[in-house]
């Protein structure tokens, strides 16, 4: 990470430095709460009526609510790798992929804090799925020591039995003396599976509560119930967060704890998780630190990326990046926003983010991925699909494996079998052109591709050029004609490696994240 800062950032950072020098407050403890597959906007703080999130709302109300936060890569393992390292996924070698062997050379910010004397731990899902070992082949504690012994009876099938909040209490009890600490609360919700109908039967919801079904899905009772079941699991994540905040408050620790709440990417539904559209990469984000930036109740419009989180944590921990032994960060500390008195956009240079993907789930020939790079700048999204002849959600005959099974997926697949021209299937599973361009203000669902529209031609060229300049500076192998390197990294789950070839030869393989009915009887091309 560069040590020199743009002049624009010096005022807030200098203010923070002077405050630390004058008042000498203790370094904040860090509670990082991350849901598994929770979409932006699905929280009361964002105005959503069918998902109730009082704990998230408290963090937003007593801190800062981000309106435009993005993950660079909308899949679990690469998204979490970006958070932990401060680097974009295409800068992480094998860790650009889902289910990789994580390269030992890339240290995480939690490993760095551990080395600097912090007490670190996690509950639930840390960095996953994949294999992470050090240079000697021993397992790494990517997010600290595990605290997972406490369990409870889950309120619905599909919800994990983890008592996340009780495990956090065990962690706090284990913190030695006055050591600063960092805890990763990694819920397994609202990842699928869901108990169908739980949102209505157990959450007290009604299908009519959903104010809008995205245009890429059919609007019917099945889809609405699927959305409400997802909402019920989001609320489970939030309840545990609320218990954690109450425990911190009881111990007198809340005011000097930096609380960060987010999700790794969008919801596990067709065209969202595992893709690169606005709903795929746009994530909820709220931060609170009463001793640091007070009860500001601000909403921030600046575009921020997950790669900005590790530099933020390292700086607020009172460390210089050079002390950590981490690879250079591409992200920038969010201090310029956290300590800025003005609401809305605080730094005009934070006007864009980069997104992309390589291999997610297997299911294509040769374990190929579906490589994408994109840029979101202000209200435009430009996408480059480097292999448009491939199926974006995975091959139909192997179950569209890059889309989790569920009622919404089933409804759309069955609709295509009745009508091959079904528009929802085409949007969610059909092949795509090499380039896409969307006006997010007019079209947040990304339904109307404007790449050939004359009125957008100049802006499209400028976005493409800016994206490629930045990717080149970041050393993205795809900018140097070496994109195949991502497909040469082995898939770490040997049981599913070479899935396509083995399945077509008749081998029985357990793809437990999709339904048996997801597999088409014949190839569709």
Protein backbone atom coordinates (compact mmCIF):
# COMPACT_ATOMS: atom_id res chain seq x y z
CA UNK A 1 0.00 0.00 0.00
CA UNK A 2 1.29 3.46 -0.83
CA UNK A 3 2.36 5.49 2.16
CA UNK A 4 1.71 8.85 0.56
CA UNK A 5 -1.88 10.06 0.64
CA UNK A 6 -3.77 12.34 -1.73
CA UNK A 7 -4.08 15.87 -0.37
CA UNK A 8 -7.83 15.37 -0.23
CA UNK A 9 -7.44 12.70 2.47
CA UNK A 10 -5.06 14.61 4.73
CA UNK A 11 -7.63 16.70 6.57
CA UNK A 12 -9.65 13.84 8.08
CA UNK A 13 -6.58 11.70 8.72
CA UNK A 14 -4.74 14.59 10.33
CA UNK A 15 -7.79 15.30 12.49
CA UNK A 16 -7.85 11.68 13.60
CA UNK A 17 -4.12 11.69 14.34
CA UNK A 18 -4.37 14.89 16.36
CA UNK A 19 -7.34 13.53 18.31
CA UNK A 20 -5.43 10.38 19.16
CA UNK A 21 -2.40 12.42 20.25
CA UNK A 22 -4.45 14.83 22.37
CA UNK A 23 -6.92 12.50 24.07
CA UNK A 24 -4.97 9.23 23.82
CA UNK A 25 -8.06 6.97 23.61
CA UNK A 26 -7.42 3.23 23.62
CA UNK A 27 -7.30 1.44 20.33
CA UNK A 28 -10.76 0.15 19.41
CA UNK A 29 -11.65 -3.47 19.72
CA UNK A 30 -13.14 -4.80 16.49
CA UNK A 31 -16.36 -6.77 16.02
CA UNK A 32 -16.72 -7.71 12.36
CA UNK A 33 -20.11 -9.25 11.56
CA UNK A 34 -20.60 -10.76 8.13
CA UNK A 35 -23.73 -12.51 6.88
CA UNK A 36 -23.56 -15.20 4.22
CA UNK A 37 -25.46 -14.11 1.06
CA UNK A 38 -27.36 -11.00 2.26
CA UNK A 39 -28.24 -8.39 -0.36
CA UNK A 40 -27.99 -4.62 -0.17
CA UNK A 41 -31.22 -2.89 0.73
CA UNK A 42 -32.70 -5.76 2.72
CA UNK A 43 -32.62 -4.06 6.11
CA UNK A 44 -34.98 -1.71 7.89
CA UNK A 45 -32.28 0.97 7.86
CA UNK A 46 -32.48 0.98 4.06
CA UNK A 47 -36.26 1.32 4.13
CA UNK A 48 -37.10 -2.36 3.59
CA UNK A 49 -40.44 -3.35 5.16
CA UNK A 50 -40.25 -7.13 4.81
CA UNK A 51 -36.86 -7.68 6.51
CA UNK A 52 -36.63 -6.48 10.13
CA UNK A 53 -33.08 -5.78 11.34
CA UNK A 54 -33.11 -3.81 14.61
CA UNK A 55 -29.47 -4.61 15.47
CA UNK A 56 -28.14 -3.52 12.07
CA UNK A 57 -30.37 -0.45 12.30
CA UNK A 58 -28.84 0.41 15.68
CA UNK A 59 -25.33 0.30 14.24
CA UNK A 60 -26.44 2.50 11.34
CA UNK A 61 -28.33 4.91 13.59
CA UNK A 62 -25.45 5.30 16.04
CA UNK A 63 -22.78 5.28 13.37
CA UNK A 64 -22.54 5.40 9.59
CA UNK A 65 -24.72 3.72 6.95
CA UNK A 66 -23.02 3.14 3.61
CA UNK A 67 -25.24 3.33 0.55
CA UNK A 68 -22.74 2.16 -2.08
CA UNK A 69 -20.47 -0.55 -0.73
CA UNK A 70 -19.37 -3.36 -3.06
CA UNK A 71 -17.50 -6.62 -2.99
CA UNK A 72 -15.07 -7.03 -5.90
CA UNK A 73 -16.17 -10.65 -6.38
CA UNK A 74 -19.67 -11.97 -5.57
CA UNK A 75 -18.78 -15.42 -4.24
CA UNK A 76 -17.91 -16.51 -0.71
CA UNK A 77 -14.21 -17.43 -0.80
CA UNK A 78 -12.91 -14.69 -3.15
CA UNK A 79 -15.06 -12.01 -1.53
CA UNK A 80 -13.75 -12.86 1.94
CA UNK A 81 -10.21 -13.01 0.57
CA UNK A 82 -10.58 -9.41 -0.61
CA UNK A 83 -11.78 -8.34 2.86
CA UNK A 84 -8.92 -10.09 4.61
CA UNK A 85 -6.07 -8.91 2.35
CA UNK A 86 -7.06 -5.48 1.02
CA UNK A 87 -6.44 -6.72 -2.52
CA UNK A 88 -8.77 -7.38 -5.46
CA UNK A 89 -9.38 -11.02 -6.25
CA UNK A 90 -7.44 -10.91 -9.54
CA UNK A 91 -4.39 -9.88 -7.45
CA UNK A 92 -4.57 -12.97 -5.25
CA UNK A 93 -3.45 -15.70 -7.64
CA UNK A 94 -5.37 -18.93 -6.82
CA UNK A 95 -7.52 -17.10 -4.23
CA UNK A 96 -9.27 -15.32 -7.10
CA UNK A 97 -11.22 -18.57 -7.44
CA UNK A 98 -13.88 -20.18 -5.30
CA UNK A 99 -12.72 -23.28 -3.35
CA UNK A 100 -9.02 -22.60 -3.94
CA UNK A 101 -5.76 -23.42 -2.26
CA UNK A 102 -5.14 -20.05 -0.62
CA UNK A 103 -1.55 -18.89 -1.36
CA UNK A 104 0.56 -18.74 1.84
CA UNK A 105 2.17 -15.48 0.64
CA UNK A 106 -1.02 -13.49 1.32
CA UNK A 107 -1.34 -12.77 5.03
CA UNK A 108 -4.72 -11.68 6.41
CA UNK A 109 -5.25 -8.59 8.55
CA UNK A 110 -6.40 -10.84 11.41
CA UNK A 111 -3.19 -12.86 11.25
CA UNK A 112 -1.31 -9.56 11.29
CA UNK A 113 -3.22 -8.32 14.35
CA UNK A 114 -2.48 -11.62 16.09
CA UNK A 115 1.24 -11.11 15.47
CA UNK A 116 0.97 -7.58 16.88
CA UNK A 117 -0.42 -8.82 20.21
CA UNK A 118 -4.18 -8.75 19.59
CA UNK A 119 -6.47 -11.52 20.76
CA UNK A 120 -8.32 -12.78 17.68
CA UNK A 121 -11.10 -15.28 17.12
CA UNK A 122 -14.20 -16.14 15.14
CA UNK A 123 -17.43 -18.07 15.21
CA UNK A 124 -19.29 -19.69 12.30
CA UNK A 125 -17.83 -19.17 8.86
CA UNK A 126 -14.46 -17.48 8.50
CA UNK A 127 -12.64 -17.62 5.19
CA UNK A 128 -14.25 -20.46 3.25
CA UNK A 129 -14.61 -22.65 1.31
CA UNK A 130 -11.14 -23.78 0.37
CA UNK A 131 -7.82 -24.91 1.82
CA UNK A 132 -5.48 -22.50 3.62
CA UNK A 133 -2.13 -23.76 4.86
CA UNK A 134 1.18 -22.03 5.56
CA UNK A 135 4.44 -22.68 3.75
CA UNK A 136 5.03 -25.71 6.00
CA UNK A 137 1.64 -27.17 5.07
CA UNK A 138 0.01 -26.52 8.46
CA UNK A 139 -3.54 -25.08 8.66
CA UNK A 140 -3.74 -21.31 9.01
CA UNK A 141 -6.03 -19.44 11.38
CA UNK A 142 -7.18 -17.00 8.71
CA UNK A 143 -9.74 -15.36 11.01
CA UNK A 144 -8.31 -16.36 14.38
CA UNK A 145 -9.08 -19.12 16.86
CA UNK A 146 -12.44 -20.85 16.47
CA UNK A 147 -15.14 -20.40 19.12
CA UNK A 148 -17.87 -22.80 18.04
CA UNK A 149 -18.74 -25.01 21.00
CA UNK A 150 -22.08 -23.40 21.90
CA UNK A 151 -25.15 -24.62 20.04
CA UNK A 152 -28.89 -24.07 20.10
CA UNK A 153 -32.02 -25.48 18.55
CA UNK A 154 -32.40 -23.61 15.24
CA UNK A 155 -35.72 -21.87 14.62
CA UNK A 156 -36.09 -23.46 11.17
CA UNK A 157 -34.60 -26.23 9.08
CA UNK A 158 -31.68 -24.91 7.08
CA UNK A 159 -30.51 -22.59 9.88
CA UNK A 160 -27.30 -23.74 11.52
CA UNK A 161 -27.35 -24.83 15.18
CA UNK A 162 -24.54 -22.39 16.09
CA UNK A 163 -25.18 -20.14 19.07
CA UNK A 164 -23.05 -17.37 17.62
CA UNK A 165 -23.73 -14.90 20.43
CA UNK A 166 -22.89 -17.39 23.18
CA UNK A 167 -19.67 -18.23 21.36
CA UNK A 168 -18.86 -14.52 21.31
CA UNK A 169 -19.38 -14.42 25.08
CA UNK A 170 -16.91 -17.31 25.42
CA UNK A 171 -14.45 -15.32 23.34
CA UNK A 172 -14.81 -12.24 25.53
CA UNK A 173 -14.30 -14.37 28.63
CA UNK A 174 -11.07 -15.68 27.10
CA UNK A 175 -9.55 -12.27 26.26
CA UNK A 176 -6.41 -11.91 28.42
CA UNK A 177 -6.29 -8.82 30.61
CA UNK A 178 -6.59 -5.59 28.68
CA UNK A 179 -5.48 -6.94 25.33
CA UNK A 180 -7.20 -5.39 22.30
CA UNK A 181 -9.28 -7.92 20.44
CA UNK A 182 -10.78 -8.60 17.04
CA UNK A 183 -13.69 -10.99 16.56
CA UNK A 184 -15.13 -12.26 13.27
CA UNK A 185 -18.82 -13.16 13.54
CA UNK A 186 -19.43 -15.19 10.39
CA UNK A 187 -23.05 -16.33 10.27
CA UNK A 188 -23.99 -19.19 7.97
CA UNK A 189 -27.28 -17.42 7.23
CA UNK A 190 -29.00 -16.54 4.94
CA UNK A 191 -27.12 -19.10 2.84
CA UNK A 192 -29.39 -21.84 1.48
CA UNK A 193 -31.12 -24.24 2.23
CA UNK A 194 -34.30 -22.69 3.61
CA UNK A 195 -37.34 -24.26 5.22
CA UNK A 196 -39.99 -23.46 2.64
CA UNK A 197 -42.77 -21.36 4.13
CA UNK A 198 -40.83 -20.47 7.29
CA UNK A 199 -41.03 -16.76 6.56
CA UNK A 200 -44.82 -16.94 6.73
CA UNK A 201 -45.32 -19.70 9.32
CA UNK A 202 -42.55 -18.68 11.73
CA UNK A 203 -41.68 -15.12 10.77
CA UNK A 204 -45.23 -13.78 10.72
CA UNK A 205 -44.83 -12.47 7.17
CA UNK A 206 -47.19 -12.38 4.19
CA UNK A 207 -46.31 -12.70 0.48
CA UNK A 208 -47.86 -9.26 -0.03
CA UNK A 209 -45.23 -7.78 2.32
CA UNK A 210 -42.67 -7.98 -0.50
CA UNK A 211 -42.94 -4.59 -2.16
CA UNK A 212 -41.07 -5.53 -5.35
CA UNK A 213 -39.90 -8.70 -7.06
CA UNK A 214 -36.89 -8.02 -9.32
CA UNK A 215 -37.63 -8.04 -13.01
CA UNK A 216 -35.39 -11.03 -13.72
CA UNK A 217 -37.67 -13.38 -11.72
CA UNK A 218 -41.36 -14.15 -12.20
CA UNK A 219 -43.63 -12.55 -9.62
CA UNK A 220 -45.61 -15.39 -8.05
CA UNK A 221 -46.35 -16.94 -4.65
CA UNK A 222 -43.44 -19.37 -4.83
CA UNK A 223 -40.85 -16.69 -5.49
CA UNK A 224 -42.32 -14.38 -2.85
CA UNK A 225 -42.29 -17.17 -0.26
CA UNK A 226 -38.69 -17.94 -1.18
CA UNK A 227 -37.80 -14.29 -0.57
CA UNK A 228 -39.58 -14.32 2.80
CA UNK A 229 -37.75 -17.49 3.87
CA UNK A 230 -34.50 -15.71 3.01
CA UNK A 231 -35.68 -12.72 5.07
CA UNK A 232 -36.34 -14.98 8.07
CA UNK A 233 -32.70 -16.12 7.95
CA UNK A 234 -31.40 -12.55 7.64
CA UNK A 235 -33.34 -11.76 10.80
CA UNK A 236 -31.69 -14.74 12.54
CA UNK A 237 -28.28 -13.23 11.76
CA UNK A 238 -29.47 -9.90 13.09
CA UNK A 239 -30.81 -11.35 16.35
CA UNK A 240 -27.41 -12.76 17.22
CA UNK A 241 -25.81 -9.44 16.37
CA UNK A 242 -28.24 -7.78 18.78
CA UNK A 243 -27.25 -10.19 21.54
CA UNK A 244 -23.57 -9.41 20.89
CA UNK A 245 -24.16 -5.67 21.12
CA UNK A 246 -26.05 -6.19 24.39
CA UNK A 247 -23.18 -8.27 25.79
CA UNK A 248 -20.66 -5.57 24.90
CA UNK A 249 -22.88 -2.94 26.50
CA UNK A 250 -23.24 -5.02 29.68
CA UNK A 251 -19.45 -5.27 29.96
CA UNK A 252 -18.90 -1.57 29.25
CA UNK A 253 -17.05 -2.37 26.02
CA UNK A 254 -19.46 -1.14 23.37
CA UNK A 255 -18.35 2.49 23.21
CA UNK A 256 -14.78 1.57 22.34
CA UNK A 257 -15.59 -1.24 19.92
CA UNK A 258 -15.56 -0.66 16.18
CA UNK A 259 -18.61 -2.60 14.98
CA UNK A 260 -18.74 -3.37 11.27
CA UNK A 261 -21.72 -5.22 9.78
CA UNK A 262 -21.93 -6.43 6.19
CA UNK A 263 -22.43 -9.45 3.90
CA UNK A 264 -20.05 -11.22 1.54
CA UNK A 265 -22.29 -10.65 -1.51
CA UNK A 266 -25.88 -10.71 -2.74
CA UNK A 267 -28.64 -13.21 -2.02
CA UNK A 268 -28.43 -16.88 -3.19
CA UNK A 269 -30.91 -16.50 -6.02
CA UNK A 270 -30.57 -16.67 -9.83
CA UNK A 271 -28.66 -13.80 -11.48
CA UNK A 272 -27.47 -12.46 -8.11
CA UNK A 273 -24.95 -14.55 -6.17
CA UNK A 274 -22.03 -15.62 -8.33
CA UNK A 275 -22.67 -13.06 -11.07
CA UNK A 276 -21.43 -9.49 -11.60
CA UNK A 277 -24.51 -7.30 -11.74
CA UNK A 278 -25.48 -4.50 -9.38
CA UNK A 279 -27.50 -6.81 -7.09
CA UNK A 280 -24.62 -9.34 -7.08
CA UNK A 281 -21.84 -7.12 -5.73
CA UNK A 282 -23.74 -4.38 -3.87
CA UNK A 283 -23.70 -5.18 -0.15
CA UNK A 284 -25.11 -3.71 3.07
CA UNK A 285 -22.55 -1.96 5.28
CA UNK A 286 -22.81 -0.06 8.55
CA UNK A 287 -20.11 0.97 11.04
CA UNK A 288 -20.23 2.25 14.61
CA UNK A 289 -17.48 3.39 16.99
CA UNK A 290 -18.76 5.80 19.61
CA UNK A 291 -15.34 6.75 21.02
CA UNK A 292 -14.01 7.21 17.51
CA UNK A 293 -16.52 8.92 15.26
CA UNK A 294 -19.39 9.28 17.72
CA UNK A 295 -23.11 8.92 17.07
CA UNK A 296 -22.91 10.57 13.68
CA UNK A 297 -26.05 9.04 12.11
CA UNK A 298 -24.62 9.70 8.69
CA UNK A 299 -25.36 8.15 5.33
CA UNK A 300 -22.41 7.95 2.94
CA UNK A 301 -22.87 7.90 -0.84
CA UNK A 302 -19.21 7.37 -1.78
CA UNK A 303 -18.42 4.15 -3.62
CA UNK A 304 -16.35 1.92 -1.35
CA UNK A 305 -14.94 -1.55 -1.83
CA UNK A 306 -14.23 -4.49 0.45
CA UNK A 307 -10.55 -3.96 -0.28
CA UNK A 308 -10.80 -0.77 1.81
CA UNK A 309 -11.61 -2.68 5.01
CA UNK A 310 -8.23 -4.23 5.85
CA UNK A 311 -6.39 -0.88 5.50
CA UNK A 312 -9.06 0.69 7.71
CA UNK A 313 -8.67 -1.92 10.45
CA UNK A 314 -4.88 -1.75 10.36
CA UNK A 315 -4.86 2.05 10.60
CA UNK A 316 -7.41 2.23 13.42
CA UNK A 317 -5.41 -0.43 15.26
CA UNK A 318 -2.59 2.11 15.38
CA UNK A 319 -0.36 0.18 12.98
CA UNK A 320 1.47 1.08 9.82
CA UNK A 321 0.93 -1.26 6.88
CA UNK A 322 4.67 -1.86 6.68
CA UNK A 323 4.56 -3.39 10.19
CA UNK A 324 2.10 -6.09 9.17
CA UNK A 325 4.12 -8.09 6.66
CA UNK A 326 1.07 -8.16 4.42
CA UNK A 327 1.28 -7.86 0.65
CA UNK A 328 0.72 -4.30 -0.63
CA UNK A 329 -2.90 -3.26 -0.37
CA UNK A 330 -4.85 -1.85 -3.28
CA UNK A 331 -7.62 -0.56 -1.02
CA UNK A 332 -7.57 2.72 0.89
CA UNK A 333 -8.46 3.28 4.52
CA UNK A 334 -11.96 4.65 5.00
CA UNK A 335 -10.75 7.23 7.54
CA UNK A 336 -11.50 10.03 5.10
CA UNK A 337 -15.18 9.02 5.33
CA UNK A 338 -15.41 7.86 8.93
CA UNK A 339 -14.15 11.12 10.40
CA UNK A 340 -15.80 13.44 7.90
CA UNK A 341 -18.45 15.69 9.41
CA UNK A 342 -20.55 16.01 6.27
CA UNK A 343 -23.18 13.52 5.25
CA UNK A 344 -23.51 12.00 1.77
CA UNK A 345 -20.47 11.98 -0.55
CA UNK A 346 -17.33 13.07 1.30
CA UNK A 347 -14.53 12.31 -1.17
CA UNK A 348 -15.15 12.97 -4.88
CA UNK A 349 -12.30 10.61 -5.79
CA UNK A 350 -14.31 7.68 -4.45
CA UNK A 351 -16.54 7.63 -7.52
CA UNK A 352 -15.95 4.09 -8.81
CA UNK A 353 -15.14 0.49 -7.87
CA UNK A 354 -13.88 -2.48 -9.86
CA UNK A 355 -15.59 -5.87 -9.86
CA UNK A 356 -14.97 -9.22 -11.53
CA UNK A 357 -14.77 -12.98 -11.21
CA UNK A 358 -12.95 -16.06 -12.38
CA UNK A 359 -13.90 -19.67 -11.56
CA UNK A 360 -16.65 -20.05 -9.00
CA UNK A 361 -18.37 -23.43 -8.84
CA UNK A 362 -17.31 -26.16 -11.25
CA UNK A 363 -19.57 -27.79 -13.84
CA UNK A 364 -18.08 -26.55 -17.11
CA UNK A 365 -15.66 -28.50 -19.30
CA UNK A 366 -12.10 -28.55 -17.91
CA UNK A 367 -13.29 -26.83 -14.70
CA UNK A 368 -13.36 -23.57 -16.62
CA UNK A 369 -14.72 -20.42 -15.04
CA UNK A 370 -16.70 -17.52 -16.46
CA UNK A 371 -14.22 -14.64 -16.38
CA UNK A 372 -15.58 -11.11 -16.01
CA UNK A 373 -14.19 -7.68 -15.23
CA UNK A 374 -16.34 -4.64 -14.64
CA UNK A 375 -16.40 -1.09 -13.37
CA UNK A 376 -19.15 0.78 -11.54
CA UNK A 377 -18.69 4.52 -11.86
CA UNK A 378 -21.36 6.81 -10.49
CA UNK A 379 -24.54 5.36 -12.01
CA UNK A 380 -23.09 3.27 -14.83
CA UNK A 381 -21.98 -0.37 -14.81
CA UNK A 382 -19.73 -1.65 -17.59
CA UNK A 383 -19.09 -5.40 -17.82
CA UNK A 384 -16.65 -7.32 -20.02
CA UNK A 385 -17.38 -11.04 -20.41
CA UNK A 386 -14.17 -12.63 -21.68
CA UNK A 387 -15.66 -16.02 -22.62
CA UNK A 388 -19.21 -15.32 -23.83
CA UNK A 389 -19.52 -18.73 -25.49
CA UNK A 390 -19.66 -20.32 -22.03
CA UNK A 391 -22.72 -20.64 -19.81
CA UNK A 392 -22.57 -17.90 -17.14
CA UNK A 393 -24.23 -19.95 -14.38
CA UNK A 394 -22.62 -23.24 -15.40
CA UNK A 395 -23.58 -25.79 -18.02
CA UNK A 396 -27.27 -26.77 -18.09
CA UNK A 397 -26.55 -30.50 -18.33
CA UNK A 398 -24.55 -30.34 -15.07
CA UNK A 399 -27.20 -28.44 -13.11
CA UNK A 400 -26.17 -24.78 -13.54
CA UNK A 401 -23.86 -25.34 -10.57
CA UNK A 402 -22.97 -21.67 -10.06
CA UNK A 403 -26.53 -21.01 -8.91
CA UNK A 404 -27.69 -22.57 -5.64
CA UNK A 405 -30.76 -24.74 -5.82
CA UNK A 406 -34.04 -23.41 -4.49
CA UNK A 407 -37.68 -22.71 -5.34
CA UNK A 408 -36.97 -19.62 -7.46
CA UNK A 409 -34.39 -21.46 -9.55
CA UNK A 410 -36.76 -24.40 -9.97
CA UNK A 411 -39.64 -22.18 -11.11
CA UNK A 412 -37.47 -20.53 -13.77
CA UNK A 413 -35.99 -23.80 -15.07
CA UNK A 414 -39.42 -25.42 -15.31
CA UNK A 415 -40.74 -22.36 -17.17
CA UNK A 416 -38.03 -22.77 -19.84
CA UNK A 417 -38.85 -26.43 -20.25
CA UNK A 418 -42.40 -25.42 -21.08
CA UNK A 419 -41.33 -22.42 -23.19
CA UNK A 420 -37.73 -22.32 -24.50
CA UNK A 421 -38.06 -18.58 -25.06
CA UNK A 422 -38.82 -17.81 -21.42
CA UNK A 423 -37.35 -14.34 -20.67
CA UNK A 424 -36.54 -15.03 -17.01
CA UNK A 425 -34.48 -18.08 -17.93
CA UNK A 426 -32.60 -16.06 -20.53
CA UNK A 427 -31.80 -13.33 -18.01
CA UNK A 428 -30.71 -15.74 -15.30
CA UNK A 429 -29.11 -18.61 -17.19
CA UNK A 430 -28.78 -17.74 -20.88
CA UNK A 431 -25.56 -16.84 -22.66
CA UNK A 432 -24.48 -13.21 -22.66
CA UNK A 433 -22.73 -10.84 -25.04
CA UNK A 434 -19.07 -9.90 -24.67
CA UNK A 435 -19.94 -6.45 -23.31
CA UNK A 436 -22.76 -5.08 -21.17
CA UNK A 437 -23.61 -1.56 -20.02
CA UNK A 438 -26.34 -0.53 -17.60
CA UNK A 439 -27.67 2.78 -16.30
CA UNK A 440 -28.18 1.90 -12.63
CA UNK A 441 -30.29 4.94 -11.85
CA UNK A 442 -32.87 4.01 -14.48
CA UNK A 443 -32.34 0.25 -14.40
CA UNK A 444 -31.05 -1.11 -11.06
CA UNK A 445 -32.03 -4.66 -12.09
CA UNK A 446 -29.66 -4.45 -15.08
CA UNK A 447 -32.24 -5.57 -17.63
CA UNK A 448 -31.56 -3.22 -20.56
CA UNK A 449 -28.11 -3.61 -22.09
CA UNK A 450 -27.08 -0.19 -23.45
CA UNK A 451 -23.72 -1.22 -24.88
CA UNK A 452 -24.88 -0.49 -28.45
CA UNK A 453 -26.87 2.65 -27.65
CA UNK A 454 -25.34 5.64 -29.47
CA UNK A 455 -26.14 7.99 -26.59
CA UNK A 456 -23.88 5.95 -24.30
CA UNK A 457 -21.04 5.20 -26.74
CA UNK A 458 -18.60 7.79 -25.41
CA UNK A 459 -19.19 6.90 -21.75
CA UNK A 460 -18.87 3.21 -22.55
CA UNK A 461 -15.44 3.77 -24.14
CA UNK A 462 -14.28 5.87 -21.21
CA UNK A 463 -15.37 3.25 -18.69
CA UNK A 464 -13.66 0.46 -20.60
CA UNK A 465 -10.43 2.44 -20.86
CA UNK A 466 -10.44 3.44 -17.19
CA UNK A 467 -11.12 -0.13 -16.11
CA UNK A 468 -8.30 -1.55 -18.22
CA UNK A 469 -5.83 1.12 -17.07
CA UNK A 470 -6.50 0.30 -13.43
CA UNK A 471 -6.41 -3.45 -13.99
CA UNK A 472 -3.09 -3.06 -15.80
CA UNK A 473 -1.65 -1.05 -12.90
CA UNK A 474 -2.85 -3.76 -10.53
CA UNK A 475 -1.09 -6.48 -12.52
CA UNK A 476 -4.24 -8.39 -13.52
CA UNK A 477 -3.01 -11.33 -15.63
CA UNK A 478 -5.98 -10.90 -18.00
CA UNK A 479 -4.61 -7.52 -19.09
CA UNK A 480 -1.40 -9.23 -20.19
CA UNK A 481 -2.94 -12.12 -22.13
CA UNK A 482 -2.41 -14.59 -19.26
CA UNK A 483 -5.96 -15.09 -18.07
CA UNK A 484 -5.70 -18.86 -18.48
CA UNK A 485 -3.59 -18.97 -15.30
CA UNK A 486 -6.77 -18.69 -13.21
CA UNK A 487 -8.17 -21.82 -14.85
CA UNK A 488 -4.97 -23.75 -14.23
CA UNK A 489 -5.23 -23.42 -10.46
CA UNK A 490 -6.73 -26.67 -9.14
CA UNK A 491 -10.14 -26.81 -7.50
CA UNK A 492 -9.43 -27.67 -3.86
CA UNK A 493 -12.41 -30.02 -3.38
CA UNK A 494 -11.06 -33.16 -5.00
CA UNK A 495 -14.47 -34.86 -4.82
CA UNK A 496 -15.83 -32.33 -7.33
CA UNK A 497 -12.74 -31.71 -9.44
CA UNK A 498 -13.38 -32.34 -13.17
CA UNK A 499 -17.08 -32.55 -12.34
CA UNK A 500 -18.27 -32.04 -15.93
CA UNK A 501 -16.27 -34.88 -17.48
CA UNK A 502 -16.93 -37.31 -14.64
CA UNK A 503 -20.66 -36.59 -14.55
CA UNK A 504 -21.09 -37.05 -18.32
CA UNK A 505 -19.31 -40.40 -18.05
CA UNK A 506 -22.01 -41.53 -15.64
CA UNK A 507 -20.22 -41.12 -12.30
CA UNK A 508 -22.58 -40.37 -9.40
CA UNK A 509 -21.46 -37.08 -7.88
CA UNK A 510 -23.01 -35.32 -4.91
CA UNK A 511 -23.60 -31.68 -5.82
CA UNK A 512 -25.52 -30.97 -2.64
CA UNK A 513 -25.91 -27.24 -3.24
CA UNK A 514 -28.30 -27.79 -6.17
CA UNK A 515 -31.40 -29.93 -6.70
CA UNK A 516 -31.52 -33.08 -8.80
CA UNK A 517 -34.17 -31.40 -10.96
CA UNK A 518 -31.70 -28.62 -11.86
CA UNK A 519 -29.87 -30.93 -14.29
CA UNK A 520 -31.06 -30.69 -17.89
CA UNK A 521 -31.39 -34.02 -19.66
CA UNK A 522 -29.47 -32.78 -22.69
CA UNK A 523 -27.03 -29.96 -23.50
CA UNK A 524 -28.79 -26.80 -24.67
CA UNK A 525 -26.21 -25.79 -27.27
